[in-house]
């Protein structure tokens, strides 16, 4: 996949490297601004697995 993207970017190696960096930054921005906030309520990160004594519960 990365080879396909690299071959389809215009310019020489320096321009392609800069465009690749910008493309990666855009992907990270979209993930943090839209995808992760949308998915966060769907993930069980807020579910605690400790009881009041501080020991793990099984089950």
C-alpha atoms as a PDB file:
ATOM      1  CA  UNK A   1       0.000   0.000   0.000  1.00  0.00           C
ATOM      2  CA  UNK A   2       2.764   2.465   0.884  1.00  0.00           C
ATOM      3  CA  UNK A   3       4.547   1.715  -2.361  1.00  0.00           C
ATOM      4  CA  UNK A   4       1.380   2.449  -4.297  1.00  0.00           C
ATOM      5  CA  UNK A   5       0.979   5.796  -2.513  1.00  0.00           C
ATOM      6  CA  UNK A   6       4.663   6.648  -3.079  1.00  0.00           C
ATOM      7  CA  UNK A   7       4.439   5.883  -6.810  1.00  0.00           C
ATOM      8  CA  UNK A   8       1.347   8.058  -7.228  1.00  0.00           C
ATOM      9  CA  UNK A   9       2.691  11.134  -5.444  1.00  0.00           C
ATOM     10  CA  UNK A  10       4.008  13.812  -7.824  1.00  0.00           C
ATOM     11  CA  UNK A  11       7.510  15.249  -7.760  1.00  0.00           C
ATOM     12  CA  UNK A  12      10.988  14.103  -6.906  1.00  0.00           C
ATOM     13  CA  UNK A  13      12.039  12.279  -3.727  1.00  0.00           C
ATOM     14  CA  UNK A  14      12.121  15.398  -1.548  1.00  0.00           C
ATOM     15  CA  UNK A  15       8.668  16.540  -2.677  1.00  0.00           C
ATOM     16  CA  UNK A  16       7.273  13.046  -2.192  1.00  0.00           C
ATOM     17  CA  UNK A  17       8.758  12.859   1.306  1.00  0.00           C
ATOM     18  CA  UNK A  18       7.211  16.207   2.243  1.00  0.00           C
ATOM     19  CA  UNK A  19       3.857  15.211   0.777  1.00  0.00           C
ATOM     20  CA  UNK A  20       4.032  11.909   2.666  1.00  0.00           C
ATOM     21  CA  UNK A  21       4.673  13.784   5.902  1.00  0.00           C
ATOM     22  CA  UNK A  22       1.739  16.129   5.267  1.00  0.00           C
ATOM     23  CA  UNK A  23      -0.484  13.183   4.362  1.00  0.00           C
ATOM     24  CA  UNK A  24       0.460  11.372   7.598  1.00  0.00           C
ATOM     25  CA  UNK A  25      -0.228  14.528   9.614  1.00  0.00           C
ATOM     26  CA  UNK A  26      -3.663  14.881   8.009  1.00  0.00           C
ATOM     27  CA  UNK A  27      -4.484  11.256   8.834  1.00  0.00           C
ATOM     28  CA  UNK A  28      -3.436  11.730  12.476  1.00  0.00           C
ATOM     29  CA  UNK A  29      -5.457  14.956  12.702  1.00  0.00           C
ATOM     30  CA  UNK A  30      -8.586  13.282  11.321  1.00  0.00           C
ATOM     31  CA  UNK A  31      -8.179  10.351  13.705  1.00  0.00           C
ATOM     32  CA  UNK A  32      -7.814  12.551  16.784  1.00  0.00           C
ATOM     33  CA  UNK A  33     -10.529  15.064  15.827  1.00  0.00           C
ATOM     34  CA  UNK A  34     -13.217  12.776  14.449  1.00  0.00           C
ATOM     35  CA  UNK A  35     -12.605   9.026  14.677  1.00  0.00           C
ATOM     36  CA  UNK A  36     -11.348   8.644  18.270  1.00  0.00           C
ATOM     37  CA  UNK A  37     -14.040  10.903  19.828  1.00  0.00           C
ATOM     38  CA  UNK A  38     -16.699   9.003  17.892  1.00  0.00           C
ATOM     39  CA  UNK A  39     -15.337   5.591  18.964  1.00  0.00           C
ATOM     40  CA  UNK A  40     -14.587   6.450  22.606  1.00  0.00           C
ATOM     41  CA  UNK A  41     -18.120   5.831  23.973  1.00  0.00           C
ATOM     42  CA  UNK A  42     -18.124   2.460  22.246  1.00  0.00           C
ATOM     43  CA  UNK A  43     -14.964   1.253  24.025  1.00  0.00           C
ATOM     44  CA  UNK A  44     -14.979  -0.208  27.545  1.00  0.00           C
ATOM     45  CA  UNK A  45     -12.123   1.914  28.941  1.00  0.00           C
ATOM     46  CA  UNK A  46     -14.292   3.373  31.714  1.00  0.00           C
ATOM     47  CA  UNK A  47     -15.245  -0.024  33.111  1.00  0.00           C
ATOM     48  CA  UNK A  48     -13.315  -0.643  36.322  1.00  0.00           C
ATOM     49  CA  UNK A  49     -12.092  -4.081  37.262  1.00  0.00           C
ATOM     50  CA  UNK A  50     -11.012  -3.305  40.837  1.00  0.00           C
ATOM     51  CA  UNK A  51     -13.129  -3.706  43.939  1.00  0.00           C
ATOM     52  CA  UNK A  52     -12.961  -1.320  46.909  1.00  0.00           C
ATOM     53  CA  UNK A  53     -10.023  -3.187  48.455  1.00  0.00           C
ATOM     54  CA  UNK A  54      -7.866  -2.575  45.399  1.00  0.00           C
ATOM     55  CA  UNK A  55      -7.710  -6.198  44.281  1.00  0.00           C
ATOM     56  CA  UNK A  56      -8.728  -7.506  40.880  1.00  0.00           C
ATOM     57  CA  UNK A  57     -12.079  -9.121  40.349  1.00  0.00           C
ATOM     58  CA  UNK A  58     -12.314 -12.124  38.091  1.00  0.00           C
ATOM     59  CA  UNK A  59     -15.531 -12.236  36.163  1.00  0.00           C
END
